[in-house]
Amino acid sequence: MKSEGRKKIGILTSGGDAPGMNAAIRAVVRTAMAHDIQVFGIKRGYEGLIAADIREMSAKDVSDIIYRGGTILRTARCEEMMTEEGPAKAAQVCKILALNALVVIGGDGSLAGAAKLAKHGVNVIGIPASIDLDLNCSEYTIGFDTAINTGMDAINKIRDTSSSHERCSLVEVMGRDCGQIALWCAMAGGAEEVMIPEHREIDANMVKRLVVENRGKGKRHNLILIADGLVNTEQLSRDIERLTGIESRSTILGHLQRGGAPTAADRMHASMMGHRAVELFVEGGENRVVIMKNNKYDDMDIFEALTIEKPYDHRLYEIIKILSI
């Protein structure tokens, strides 16, 4: 993977988009230029890499993007990377372009794809970007702060009408197999209950009983947070109203949480992580992931990063329940 003359790195964004990806792209491109390194932007993630949809980037290409959501490089989920042939094809493109490293910005699936490329001789540097905060190797992932603030803005508005009409409001947020968005939104929104994949003993029947009990305690409205994929939120809302007589409404935020201008926190962390990714390459780092550990920027081996398991901590849920009394 060595080349004559100037060093060359590629950069791609993969998987689900996350607010702050553009800030990371900007930081990678400009830090690389400060070190006289050529940067090649790869469109549509691994799909674009396999198809060689690649062009050199300049400082002008990343002007006025730090405040924009989404990703200027666009993104896609590449099924071909799940096969044996896909990573080999992608690695061959990196070799033909004589890339000295590939910076991959994305979540767990994206970093798993990067690890496959590493096995084919590509030097990869990962940057964790996921609104779900579902990478166990890092305390922070790009996009999470914006996602929960978008959720909070919606919840604040829902609360206004919920309290006015004395309703039960069910709000479904994103998160897939990780309940961090739901937990944070429940805590910050003052929710009475939260349903997350890590806490499956909280089921629909328990939620129905809770709403009835809270009305008996004098609570005039309820807010229930639900991580997507756990239950049919709209059906649960109808069931609550039918069984309890309490007017209920469901709101599914969906991909609303993926978009929008990144918060200051996401812009800051994305910029620092993008800068650190290039610095790691300059220092001779190979197959690393930039992470946040103990509230500091750090890095670790990509293969080790993908094996880390973090047990679910019940404390946040327990505090949410205490504060909902």
C-alpha atoms as a PDB file:
ATOM      1  CA  MET A   1       0.000   0.000   0.000  1.00  0.00           C
ATOM      2  CA  LYS A   2       3.002   2.342  -0.195  1.00  0.00           C
ATOM      3  CA  SER A   3       3.309   4.939  -2.952  1.00  0.00           C
ATOM      4  CA  GLU A   4       5.934   7.280  -4.293  1.00  0.00           C
ATOM      5  CA  GLY A   5       5.883  10.985  -3.435  1.00  0.00           C
ATOM      6  CA  ARG A   6       2.968  12.461  -1.529  1.00  0.00           C
ATOM      7  CA  LYS A   7       0.967  10.271   0.812  1.00  0.00           C
ATOM      8  CA  LYS A   8      -2.622   9.533  -0.154  1.00  0.00           C
ATOM      9  CA  ILE A   9      -5.637   8.745   1.992  1.00  0.00           C
ATOM     10  CA  GLY A  10      -9.214   7.975   1.121  1.00  0.00           C
ATOM     11  CA  ILE A  11     -12.274   8.913   3.140  1.00  0.00           C
ATOM     12  CA  LEU A  12     -15.803   7.535   3.119  1.00  0.00           C
ATOM     13  CA  THR A  13     -18.967   7.668   5.184  1.00  0.00           C
ATOM     14  CA  SER A  14     -20.913   4.443   5.550  1.00  0.00           C
ATOM     15  CA  GLY A  15     -24.143   3.097   7.017  1.00  0.00           C
ATOM     16  CA  GLY A  16     -26.727   5.404   8.571  1.00  0.00           C
ATOM     17  CA  ASP A  17     -25.955   9.106   8.263  1.00  0.00           C
ATOM     18  CA  ALA A  18     -25.308  11.070  11.443  1.00  0.00           C
ATOM     19  CA  PRO A  19     -25.215  14.841  12.072  1.00  0.00           C
ATOM     20  CA  GLY A  20     -21.557  15.806  12.413  1.00  0.00           C
ATOM     21  CA  MET A  21     -20.239  13.566   9.641  1.00  0.00           C
ATOM     22  CA  ASN A  22     -19.560  16.645   7.524  1.00  0.00           C
ATOM     23  CA  ALA A  23     -17.579  18.237  10.338  1.00  0.00           C
ATOM     24  CA  ALA A  24     -15.440  15.090  10.514  1.00  0.00           C
ATOM     25  CA  ILE A  25     -14.929  15.081   6.735  1.00  0.00           C
ATOM     26  CA  ARG A  26     -13.872  18.730   6.866  1.00  0.00           C
ATOM     27  CA  ALA A  27     -11.390  18.038   9.655  1.00  0.00           C
ATOM     28  CA  VAL A  28      -9.856  15.049   7.854  1.00  0.00           C
ATOM     29  CA  VAL A  29      -9.439  16.921   4.572  1.00  0.00           C
ATOM     30  CA  ARG A  30      -7.932  20.064   6.053  1.00  0.00           C
ATOM     31  CA  THR A  31      -5.681  18.293   8.554  1.00  0.00           C
ATOM     32  CA  ALA A  32      -4.391  16.103   5.732  1.00  0.00           C
ATOM     33  CA  MET A  33      -3.702  19.147   3.578  1.00  0.00           C
ATOM     34  CA  ALA A  34      -1.772  20.717   6.445  1.00  0.00           C
ATOM     35  CA  HIS A  35       0.490  17.637   6.284  1.00  0.00           C
ATOM     36  CA  ASP A  36       0.710  17.757   2.440  1.00  0.00           C
ATOM     37  CA  ILE A  37      -1.362  14.578   2.134  1.00  0.00           C
ATOM     38  CA  GLN A  38      -3.705  14.061  -0.810  1.00  0.00           C
ATOM     39  CA  VAL A  39      -7.289  13.184   0.103  1.00  0.00           C
ATOM     40  CA  PHE A  40      -9.674  11.228  -2.098  1.00  0.00           C
ATOM     41  CA  GLY A  41     -13.371  11.377  -1.315  1.00  0.00           C
ATOM     42  CA  ILE A  42     -15.324   8.169  -1.918  1.00  0.00           C
ATOM     43  CA  LYS A  43     -19.033   8.542  -2.707  1.00  0.00           C
ATOM     44  CA  ARG A  44     -21.742   6.241  -1.275  1.00  0.00           C
ATOM     45  CA  GLY A  45     -19.558   4.395   1.223  1.00  0.00           C
ATOM     46  CA  TYR A  46     -18.290   0.926   0.381  1.00  0.00           C
ATOM     47  CA  GLU A  47     -20.559   0.774  -2.682  1.00  0.00           C
ATOM     48  CA  GLY A  48     -18.706   3.733  -4.111  1.00  0.00           C
ATOM     49  CA  LEU A  49     -15.347   2.255  -3.155  1.00  0.00           C
ATOM     50  CA  ILE A  50     -16.067  -0.992  -5.001  1.00  0.00           C
ATOM     51  CA  ALA A  51     -17.349   1.012  -7.992  1.00  0.00           C
ATOM     52  CA  ALA A  52     -14.325   3.381  -7.783  1.00  0.00           C
ATOM     53  CA  ASP A  53     -16.593   6.438  -7.477  1.00  0.00           C
ATOM     54  CA  ILE A  54     -13.717   8.527  -6.177  1.00  0.00           C
ATOM     55  CA  ARG A  55     -12.266  11.989  -6.688  1.00  0.00           C
ATOM     56  CA  GLU A  56      -9.580  14.119  -5.099  1.00  0.00           C
ATOM     57  CA  MET A  57     -10.805  16.667  -2.543  1.00  0.00           C
ATOM     58  CA  SER A  58      -9.614  20.197  -1.877  1.00  0.00           C
ATOM     59  CA  ALA A  59     -10.082  22.683   0.938  1.00  0.00           C
ATOM     60  CA  LYS A  60     -12.831  24.337  -1.121  1.00  0.00           C
ATOM     61  CA  ASP A  61     -14.794  21.083  -1.282  1.00  0.00           C
ATOM     62  CA  VAL A  62     -15.317  21.192   2.489  1.00  0.00           C
ATOM     63  CA  SER A  63     -16.093  24.898   2.807  1.00  0.00           C
ATOM     64  CA  ASP A  64     -19.374  25.750   4.537  1.00  0.00           C
ATOM     65  CA  ILE A  65     -20.265  22.173   5.465  1.00  0.00           C
ATOM     66  CA  ILE A  66     -19.555  22.095   9.204  1.00  0.00           C
ATOM     67  CA  TYR A  67     -23.113  23.197  10.012  1.00  0.00           C
ATOM     68  CA  ARG A  68     -24.841  20.821   7.582  1.00  0.00           C
ATOM     69  CA  GLY A  69     -26.468  17.535   8.527  1.00  0.00           C
ATOM     70  CA  GLY A  70     -26.101  14.375   6.484  1.00  0.00           C
ATOM     71  CA  THR A  71     -22.892  13.759   4.552  1.00  0.00           C
ATOM     72  CA  ILE A  72     -21.601  15.447   1.403  1.00  0.00           C
ATOM     73  CA  LEU A  73     -19.979  12.128   0.425  1.00  0.00           C
ATOM     74  CA  ARG A  74     -23.374  10.442   0.682  1.00  0.00           C
ATOM     75  CA  THR A  75     -23.720   7.001   2.189  1.00  0.00           C
ATOM     76  CA  ALA A  76     -25.188   3.574   1.585  1.00  0.00           C
ATOM     77  CA  ARG A  77     -25.401   0.141   3.135  1.00  0.00           C
ATOM     78  CA  CYS A  78     -23.335  -2.224   0.997  1.00  0.00           C
ATOM     79  CA  GLU A  79     -24.499  -5.837   0.971  1.00  0.00           C
ATOM     80  CA  GLU A  80     -21.517  -6.831  -1.152  1.00  0.00           C
ATOM     81  CA  MET A  81     -19.216  -6.117   1.802  1.00  0.00           C
ATOM     82  CA  MET A  82     -20.971  -9.003   3.575  1.00  0.00           C
ATOM     83  CA  THR A  83     -19.616 -11.437   0.990  1.00  0.00           C
ATOM     84  CA  GLU A  84     -16.081 -12.789   0.614  1.00  0.00           C
ATOM     85  CA  GLU A  85     -15.609 -11.077  -2.745  1.00  0.00           C
ATOM     86  CA  GLY A  86     -16.708  -7.583  -1.719  1.00  0.00           C
ATOM     87  CA  PRO A  87     -13.869  -6.686   0.679  1.00  0.00           C
ATOM     88  CA  ALA A  88     -11.332  -8.139  -1.768  1.00  0.00           C
ATOM     89  CA  LYS A  89     -12.696  -5.901  -4.559  1.00  0.00           C
ATOM     90  CA  ALA A  90     -12.675  -2.849  -2.300  1.00  0.00           C
ATOM     91  CA  ALA A  91      -9.103  -3.577  -1.170  1.00  0.00           C
ATOM     92  CA  GLN A  92      -8.002  -3.938  -4.782  1.00  0.00           C
ATOM     93  CA  VAL A  93      -9.344  -0.454  -5.582  1.00  0.00           C
ATOM     94  CA  CYS A  94      -7.376   0.955  -2.630  1.00  0.00           C
ATOM     95  CA  LYS A  95      -4.265  -0.771  -3.974  1.00  0.00           C
ATOM     96  CA  ILE A  96      -4.760   0.549  -7.518  1.00  0.00           C
ATOM     97  CA  LEU A  97      -5.171   4.085  -6.162  1.00  0.00           C
ATOM     98  CA  ALA A  98      -2.060   3.559  -3.998  1.00  0.00           C
ATOM     99  CA  LEU A  99      -3.901   4.771  -0.898  1.00  0.00           C
ATOM    100  CA  ASN A 100      -1.735   4.742   2.210  1.00  0.00           C
ATOM    101  CA  ALA A 101      -4.804   4.692   4.453  1.00  0.00           C
ATOM    102  CA  LEU A 102      -8.594   4.724   4.357  1.00  0.00           C
ATOM    103  CA  VAL A 103     -10.572   6.783   6.878  1.00  0.00           C
ATOM    104  CA  VAL A 104     -13.970   5.210   7.560  1.00  0.00           C
ATOM    105  CA  ILE A 105     -16.654   7.267   9.313  1.00  0.00           C
ATOM    106  CA  GLY A 106     -19.595   5.185  10.501  1.00  0.00           C
ATOM    107  CA  GLY A 107     -21.095   2.813  13.033  1.00  0.00           C
ATOM    108  CA  ASP A 108     -20.485  -0.790  14.027  1.00  0.00           C
ATOM    109  CA  GLY A 109     -21.232  -2.259  10.601  1.00  0.00           C
ATOM    110  CA  SER A 110     -18.992   0.284   8.911  1.00  0.00           C
ATOM    111  CA  LEU A 111     -16.097  -0.442  11.247  1.00  0.00           C
ATOM    112  CA  ALA A 112     -16.641  -4.176  10.762  1.00  0.00           C
ATOM    113  CA  GLY A 113     -16.261  -3.536   7.026  1.00  0.00           C
ATOM    114  CA  ALA A 114     -13.071  -1.590   7.708  1.00  0.00           C
ATOM    115  CA  ALA A 115     -11.702  -4.524   9.707  1.00  0.00           C
ATOM    116  CA  LYS A 116     -12.334  -6.796   6.700  1.00  0.00           C
ATOM    117  CA  LEU A 117     -10.326  -4.412   4.532  1.00  0.00           C
ATOM    118  CA  ALA A 118      -7.532  -4.443   7.103  1.00  0.00           C
ATOM    119  CA  LYS A 119      -7.298  -8.213   6.682  1.00  0.00           C
ATOM    120  CA  HIS A 120      -6.705  -7.574   2.974  1.00  0.00           C
ATOM    121  CA  GLY A 121      -3.791  -5.241   3.689  1.00  0.00           C
ATOM    122  CA  VAL A 122      -5.555  -1.871   3.752  1.00  0.00           C
ATOM    123  CA  ASN A 123      -4.514   0.477   6.560  1.00  0.00           C
ATOM    124  CA  VAL A 124      -7.806   1.712   8.030  1.00  0.00           C
ATOM    125  CA  ILE A 125      -8.554   4.477  10.536  1.00  0.00           C
ATOM    126  CA  GLY A 126     -12.091   4.439  11.947  1.00  0.00           C
ATOM    127  CA  ILE A 127     -14.149   7.319  13.321  1.00  0.00           C
ATOM    128  CA  PRO A 128     -17.290   6.292  15.274  1.00  0.00           C
ATOM    129  CA  ALA A 129     -20.426   7.957  13.912  1.00  0.00           C
ATOM    130  CA  SER A 130     -23.828   6.672  15.010  1.00  0.00           C
ATOM    131  CA  ILE A 131     -26.846   8.453  16.423  1.00  0.00           C
ATOM    132  CA  ASP A 132     -27.540   5.309  18.471  1.00  0.00           C
ATOM    133  CA  LEU A 133     -24.391   5.486  20.660  1.00  0.00           C
ATOM    134  CA  ASP A 134     -24.077   1.753  20.100  1.00  0.00           C
ATOM    135  CA  LEU A 135     -20.310   1.310  19.746  1.00  0.00           C
ATOM    136  CA  ASN A 136     -19.024  -0.240  22.966  1.00  0.00           C
ATOM    137  CA  CYS A 137     -15.456   0.872  22.337  1.00  0.00           C
ATOM    138  CA  SER A 138     -16.265   4.589  22.630  1.00  0.00           C
ATOM    139  CA  GLU A 139     -18.155   6.692  25.163  1.00  0.00           C
ATOM    140  CA  TYR A 140     -19.231   9.026  22.350  1.00  0.00           C
ATOM    141  CA  THR A 141     -20.323   8.576  18.761  1.00  0.00           C
ATOM    142  CA  ILE A 142     -20.845  11.399  16.280  1.00  0.00           C
ATOM    143  CA  GLY A 143     -24.521  12.335  15.885  1.00  0.00           C
ATOM    144  CA  PHE A 144     -25.845  11.135  19.240  1.00  0.00           C
ATOM    145  CA  ASP A 145     -26.026  14.577  20.831  1.00  0.00           C
ATOM    146  CA  THR A 146     -27.958  16.033  17.901  1.00  0.00           C
ATOM    147  CA  ALA A 147     -30.334  13.064  17.821  1.00  0.00           C
ATOM    148  CA  ILE A 148     -31.290  13.382  21.481  1.00  0.00           C
ATOM    149  CA  ASN A 149     -31.667  17.155  21.223  1.00  0.00           C
ATOM    150  CA  THR A 150     -33.943  16.711  18.204  1.00  0.00           C
ATOM    151  CA  GLY A 151     -35.920  14.200  20.240  1.00  0.00           C
ATOM    152  CA  MET A 152     -36.110  16.572  23.189  1.00  0.00           C
ATOM    153  CA  ASP A 153     -37.407  19.405  21.038  1.00  0.00           C
ATOM    154  CA  ALA A 154     -40.214  17.166  19.784  1.00  0.00           C
ATOM    155  CA  ILE A 155     -40.982  15.838  23.277  1.00  0.00           C
ATOM    156  CA  ASN A 156     -41.222  19.372  24.691  1.00  0.00           C
ATOM    157  CA  LYS A 157     -43.899  20.211  22.123  1.00  0.00           C
ATOM    158  CA  ILE A 158     -45.750  16.934  22.655  1.00  0.00           C
ATOM    159  CA  ARG A 159     -45.774  17.539  26.420  1.00  0.00           C
ATOM    160  CA  ASP A 160     -47.529  20.877  25.952  1.00  0.00           C
ATOM    161  CA  THR A 161     -50.519  19.346  24.204  1.00  0.00           C
ATOM    162  CA  SER A 162     -50.414  16.154  26.300  1.00  0.00           C
ATOM    163  CA  SER A 163     -50.790  18.097  29.534  1.00  0.00           C
ATOM    164  CA  SER A 164     -53.444  20.390  28.047  1.00  0.00           C
ATOM    165  CA  HIS A 165     -55.615  17.434  27.029  1.00  0.00           C
ATOM    166  CA  GLU A 166     -54.644  15.151  29.957  1.00  0.00           C
ATOM    167  CA  ARG A 167     -53.453  12.500  27.543  1.00  0.00           C
ATOM    168  CA  CYS A 168     -51.068   9.588  27.576  1.00  0.00           C
ATOM    169  CA  SER A 169     -48.369  10.275  24.985  1.00  0.00           C
ATOM    170  CA  LEU A 170     -46.229   7.492  23.534  1.00  0.00           C
ATOM    171  CA  VAL A 171     -43.121   8.661  21.697  1.00  0.00           C
ATOM    172  CA  GLU A 172     -41.105   6.200  19.627  1.00  0.00           C
ATOM    173  CA  VAL A 173     -37.469   7.138  19.070  1.00  0.00           C
ATOM    174  CA  MET A 174     -34.683   5.506  17.087  1.00  0.00           C
ATOM    175  CA  GLY A 175     -32.052   3.199  18.494  1.00  0.00           C
ATOM    176  CA  ARG A 176     -32.522  -0.206  16.910  1.00  0.00           C
ATOM    177  CA  ASP A 177     -30.781  -2.652  19.282  1.00  0.00           C
ATOM    178  CA  CYS A 178     -29.556   0.071  21.660  1.00  0.00           C
ATOM    179  CA  GLY A 179     -31.741   2.016  24.097  1.00  0.00           C
ATOM    180  CA  GLN A 180     -29.477   5.000  24.747  1.00  0.00           C
ATOM    181  CA  ILE A 181     -31.550   7.519  22.764  1.00  0.00           C
ATOM    182  CA  ALA A 182     -34.718   6.395  24.533  1.00  0.00           C
ATOM    183  CA  LEU A 183     -33.041   6.484  27.961  1.00  0.00           C
ATOM    184  CA  TRP A 184     -31.589   9.970  27.502  1.00  0.00           C
ATOM    185  CA  CYS A 185     -34.835  11.355  26.077  1.00  0.00           C
ATOM    186  CA  ALA A 186     -36.804   9.749  28.902  1.00  0.00           C
ATOM    187  CA  MET A 187     -34.549  11.255  31.554  1.00  0.00           C
ATOM    188  CA  ALA A 188     -34.413  14.727  30.015  1.00  0.00           C
ATOM    189  CA  GLY A 189     -38.102  14.695  29.095  1.00  0.00           C
ATOM    190  CA  GLY A 190     -39.361  13.594  32.509  1.00  0.00           C
ATOM    191  CA  ALA A 191     -40.968  10.403  31.199  1.00  0.00           C
ATOM    192  CA  GLU A 192     -42.979   8.061  33.410  1.00  0.00           C
ATOM    193  CA  GLU A 193     -41.676   4.950  31.623  1.00  0.00           C
ATOM    194  CA  VAL A 194     -39.199   3.911  28.948  1.00  0.00           C
ATOM    195  CA  MET A 195     -39.168   0.710  26.911  1.00  0.00           C
ATOM    196  CA  ILE A 196     -35.730  -0.354  25.648  1.00  0.00           C
ATOM    197  CA  PRO A 197     -34.278  -3.607  24.229  1.00  0.00           C
ATOM    198  CA  GLU A 198     -31.917  -3.961  27.209  1.00  0.00           C
ATOM    199  CA  HIS A 199     -34.877  -4.033  29.609  1.00  0.00           C
ATOM    200  CA  ARG A 200     -37.357  -6.403  27.983  1.00  0.00           C
ATOM    201  CA  GLU A 201     -39.212  -7.165  31.206  1.00  0.00           C
ATOM    202  CA  ILE A 202     -41.000  -3.851  30.712  1.00  0.00           C
ATOM    203  CA  ASP A 203     -43.811  -4.939  28.387  1.00  0.00           C
ATOM    204  CA  ALA A 204     -47.035  -3.493  26.990  1.00  0.00           C
ATOM    205  CA  ASN A 205     -49.163  -4.822  29.857  1.00  0.00           C
ATOM    206  CA  MET A 206     -46.921  -3.180  32.453  1.00  0.00           C
ATOM    207  CA  VAL A 207     -47.206   0.134  30.604  1.00  0.00           C
ATOM    208  CA  LYS A 208     -51.016  -0.122  30.569  1.00  0.00           C
ATOM    209  CA  ARG A 209     -51.112  -0.784  34.315  1.00  0.00           C
ATOM    210  CA  LEU A 210     -48.739   2.111  34.952  1.00  0.00           C
ATOM    211  CA  VAL A 211     -50.998   4.578  33.135  1.00  0.00           C
ATOM    212  CA  VAL A 212     -53.999   3.485  35.214  1.00  0.00           C
ATOM    213  CA  GLU A 213     -52.017   3.634  38.472  1.00  0.00           C
ATOM    214  CA  ASN A 214     -50.670   7.096  37.654  1.00  0.00           C
ATOM    215  CA  ARG A 215     -54.163   8.424  36.976  1.00  0.00           C
ATOM    216  CA  GLY A 216     -55.191   7.044  40.370  1.00  0.00           C
ATOM    217  CA  LYS A 217     -52.281   8.955  41.934  1.00  0.00           C
ATOM    218  CA  GLY A 218     -53.523  12.180  40.397  1.00  0.00           C
ATOM    219  CA  LYS A 219     -51.197  12.347  37.373  1.00  0.00           C
ATOM    220  CA  ARG A 220     -53.165  13.992  34.599  1.00  0.00           C
ATOM    221  CA  HIS A 221     -50.878  13.005  31.722  1.00  0.00           C
ATOM    222  CA  ASN A 222     -48.192  10.393  30.996  1.00  0.00           C
ATOM    223  CA  LEU A 223     -45.147  10.323  28.753  1.00  0.00           C
ATOM    224  CA  ILE A 224     -43.855   6.917  27.616  1.00  0.00           C
ATOM    225  CA  LEU A 225     -40.620   6.618  25.571  1.00  0.00           C
ATOM    226  CA  ILE A 226     -40.219   3.578  23.330  1.00  0.00           C
ATOM    227  CA  ALA A 227     -37.154   2.423  21.379  1.00  0.00           C
ATOM    228  CA  ASP A 228     -38.157   1.501  17.819  1.00  0.00           C
ATOM    229  CA  GLY A 229     -38.726  -2.132  16.970  1.00  0.00           C
ATOM    230  CA  LEU A 230     -39.916  -3.243  20.407  1.00  0.00           C
ATOM    231  CA  VAL A 231     -43.688  -2.951  20.032  1.00  0.00           C
ATOM    232  CA  ASN A 232     -46.277  -1.603  17.649  1.00  0.00           C
ATOM    233  CA  THR A 233     -46.428   1.863  19.217  1.00  0.00           C
ATOM    234  CA  GLU A 234     -49.603   2.934  17.424  1.00  0.00           C
ATOM    235  CA  GLN A 235     -51.415  -0.243  18.453  1.00  0.00           C
ATOM    236  CA  LEU A 236     -50.259   0.128  22.049  1.00  0.00           C
ATOM    237  CA  SER A 237     -51.653   3.656  22.108  1.00  0.00           C
ATOM    238  CA  ARG A 238     -55.025   2.408  20.860  1.00  0.00           C
ATOM    239  CA  ASP A 239     -54.997  -0.423  23.412  1.00  0.00           C
ATOM    240  CA  ILE A 240     -54.308   1.970  26.293  1.00  0.00           C
ATOM    241  CA  GLU A 241     -57.192   4.210  25.285  1.00  0.00           C
ATOM    242  CA  ARG A 242     -59.573   1.285  24.789  1.00  0.00           C
ATOM    243  CA  LEU A 243     -58.708  -0.454  28.062  1.00  0.00           C
ATOM    244  CA  THR A 244     -58.335   2.585  30.328  1.00  0.00           C
ATOM    245  CA  GLY A 245     -60.551   5.226  28.762  1.00  0.00           C
ATOM    246  CA  ILE A 246     -57.591   7.627  28.903  1.00  0.00           C
ATOM    247  CA  GLU A 247     -57.084   9.506  25.640  1.00  0.00           C
ATOM    248  CA  SER A 248     -53.775   8.343  24.136  1.00  0.00           C
ATOM    249  CA  ARG A 249     -51.670   9.452  21.190  1.00  0.00           C
ATOM    250  CA  SER A 250     -48.546   8.004  19.570  1.00  0.00           C
ATOM    251  CA  THR A 251     -45.771   9.899  17.807  1.00  0.00           C
ATOM    252  CA  ILE A 252     -43.063   8.126  15.841  1.00  0.00           C
ATOM    253  CA  LEU A 253     -40.055  10.414  15.357  1.00  0.00           C
ATOM    254  CA  GLY A 254     -38.274   8.067  12.954  1.00  0.00           C
ATOM    255  CA  HIS A 255     -35.655   9.548  10.653  1.00  0.00           C
ATOM    256  CA  LEU A 256     -36.395  13.049  11.906  1.00  0.00           C
ATOM    257  CA  GLN A 257     -33.639  12.311  14.434  1.00  0.00           C
ATOM    258  CA  ARG A 258     -31.047  11.625  11.753  1.00  0.00           C
ATOM    259  CA  GLY A 259     -31.294  15.016  10.103  1.00  0.00           C
ATOM    260  CA  GLY A 260     -30.733  18.615  11.010  1.00  0.00           C
ATOM    261  CA  ALA A 261     -27.764  20.808  11.771  1.00  0.00           C
ATOM    262  CA  PRO A 262     -25.370  19.152  14.235  1.00  0.00           C
ATOM    263  CA  THR A 263     -25.167  20.563  17.741  1.00  0.00           C
ATOM    264  CA  ALA A 264     -22.064  22.337  18.998  1.00  0.00           C
ATOM    265  CA  ALA A 265     -21.043  19.155  20.833  1.00  0.00           C
ATOM    266  CA  ASP A 266     -21.280  17.026  17.694  1.00  0.00           C
ATOM    267  CA  ARG A 267     -19.375  19.595  15.625  1.00  0.00           C
ATOM    268  CA  MET A 268     -16.665  19.843  18.263  1.00  0.00           C
ATOM    269  CA  HIS A 269     -16.171  16.104  18.788  1.00  0.00           C
ATOM    270  CA  ALA A 270     -16.418  15.296  15.083  1.00  0.00           C
ATOM    271  CA  SER A 271     -13.793  17.920  14.270  1.00  0.00           C
ATOM    272  CA  MET A 272     -11.444  16.667  16.970  1.00  0.00           C
ATOM    273  CA  MET A 273     -11.904  13.028  15.965  1.00  0.00           C
ATOM    274  CA  GLY A 274     -11.351  13.830  12.291  1.00  0.00           C
ATOM    275  CA  HIS A 275      -8.182  15.730  13.141  1.00  0.00           C
ATOM    276  CA  ARG A 276      -6.955  12.904  15.376  1.00  0.00           C
ATOM    277  CA  ALA A 277      -7.571  10.304  12.655  1.00  0.00           C
ATOM    278  CA  VAL A 278      -5.115  12.025  10.323  1.00  0.00           C
ATOM    279  CA  GLU A 279      -2.625  12.622  13.132  1.00  0.00           C
ATOM    280  CA  LEU A 280      -2.728   8.884  13.890  1.00  0.00           C
ATOM    281  CA  PHE A 281      -1.834   8.128  10.278  1.00  0.00           C
ATOM    282  CA  VAL A 282       0.998  10.670  10.325  1.00  0.00           C
ATOM    283  CA  GLU A 283       2.336   9.065  13.506  1.00  0.00           C
ATOM    284  CA  GLY A 284       2.395   5.685  11.807  1.00  0.00           C
ATOM    285  CA  GLY A 285      -0.792   4.276  13.285  1.00  0.00           C
ATOM    286  CA  GLU A 286      -2.289   1.282  11.493  1.00  0.00           C
ATOM    287  CA  ASN A 287      -5.781  -0.160  11.763  1.00  0.00           C
ATOM    288  CA  ARG A 288      -6.923   2.076  14.590  1.00  0.00           C
ATOM    289  CA  VAL A 289     -10.231   3.554  15.757  1.00  0.00           C
ATOM    290  CA  VAL A 290     -10.480   7.016  17.287  1.00  0.00           C
ATOM    291  CA  ILE A 291     -12.497   6.770  20.496  1.00  0.00           C
ATOM    292  CA  MET A 292     -13.493   8.753  23.538  1.00  0.00           C
ATOM    293  CA  LYS A 293     -12.483   7.180  26.831  1.00  0.00           C
ATOM    294  CA  ASN A 294     -12.812   8.787  30.266  1.00  0.00           C
ATOM    295  CA  ASN A 295     -13.942  11.945  28.472  1.00  0.00           C
ATOM    296  CA  LYS A 296     -10.660  12.163  26.517  1.00  0.00           C
ATOM    297  CA  TYR A 297      -9.832  11.415  22.889  1.00  0.00           C
ATOM    298  CA  ASP A 298      -7.951   8.160  22.511  1.00  0.00           C
ATOM    299  CA  ASP A 299      -7.498   5.347  19.999  1.00  0.00           C
ATOM    300  CA  MET A 300      -7.337   1.574  19.938  1.00  0.00           C
ATOM    301  CA  ASP A 301      -6.825  -1.383  17.613  1.00  0.00           C
ATOM    302  CA  ILE A 302      -9.837  -1.833  15.331  1.00  0.00           C
ATOM    303  CA  PHE A 303     -10.028  -5.590  15.858  1.00  0.00           C
ATOM    304  CA  GLU A 304     -10.000  -5.175  19.631  1.00  0.00           C
ATOM    305  CA  ALA A 305     -12.575  -2.390  19.398  1.00  0.00           C
ATOM    306  CA  LEU A 306     -15.067  -4.676  17.682  1.00  0.00           C
ATOM    307  CA  THR A 307     -14.817  -7.347  20.381  1.00  0.00           C
ATOM    308  CA  ILE A 308     -15.540  -5.111  23.380  1.00  0.00           C
ATOM    309  CA  GLU A 309     -18.754  -5.905  25.235  1.00  0.00           C
ATOM    310  CA  LYS A 310     -20.300  -3.388  27.588  1.00  0.00           C
ATOM    311  CA  PRO A 311     -22.869  -4.753  30.067  1.00  0.00           C
ATOM    312  CA  TYR A 312     -26.126  -2.844  30.379  1.00  0.00           C
ATOM    313  CA  ASP A 313     -26.109  -0.491  33.368  1.00  0.00           C
ATOM    314  CA  HIS A 314     -29.524  -0.381  35.089  1.00  0.00           C
ATOM    315  CA  ARG A 315     -28.753   2.782  37.064  1.00  0.00           C
ATOM    316  CA  LEU A 316     -30.022   5.296  34.528  1.00  0.00           C
ATOM    317  CA  TYR A 317     -33.343   3.470  34.191  1.00  0.00           C
ATOM    318  CA  GLU A 318     -33.669   3.224  37.979  1.00  0.00           C
ATOM    319  CA  ILE A 319     -33.064   6.967  38.336  1.00  0.00           C
ATOM    320  CA  ILE A 320     -35.678   7.696  35.652  1.00  0.00           C
ATOM    321  CA  LYS A 321     -38.229   5.707  37.666  1.00  0.00           C
ATOM    322  CA  ILE A 322     -37.317   7.477  40.919  1.00  0.00           C
ATOM    323  CA  LEU A 323     -37.691  10.892  39.314  1.00  0.00           C
ATOM    324  CA  SER A 324     -41.033   9.951  37.723  1.00  0.00           C
ATOM    325  CA  ILE A 325     -42.754   9.438  41.103  1.00  0.00           C
END
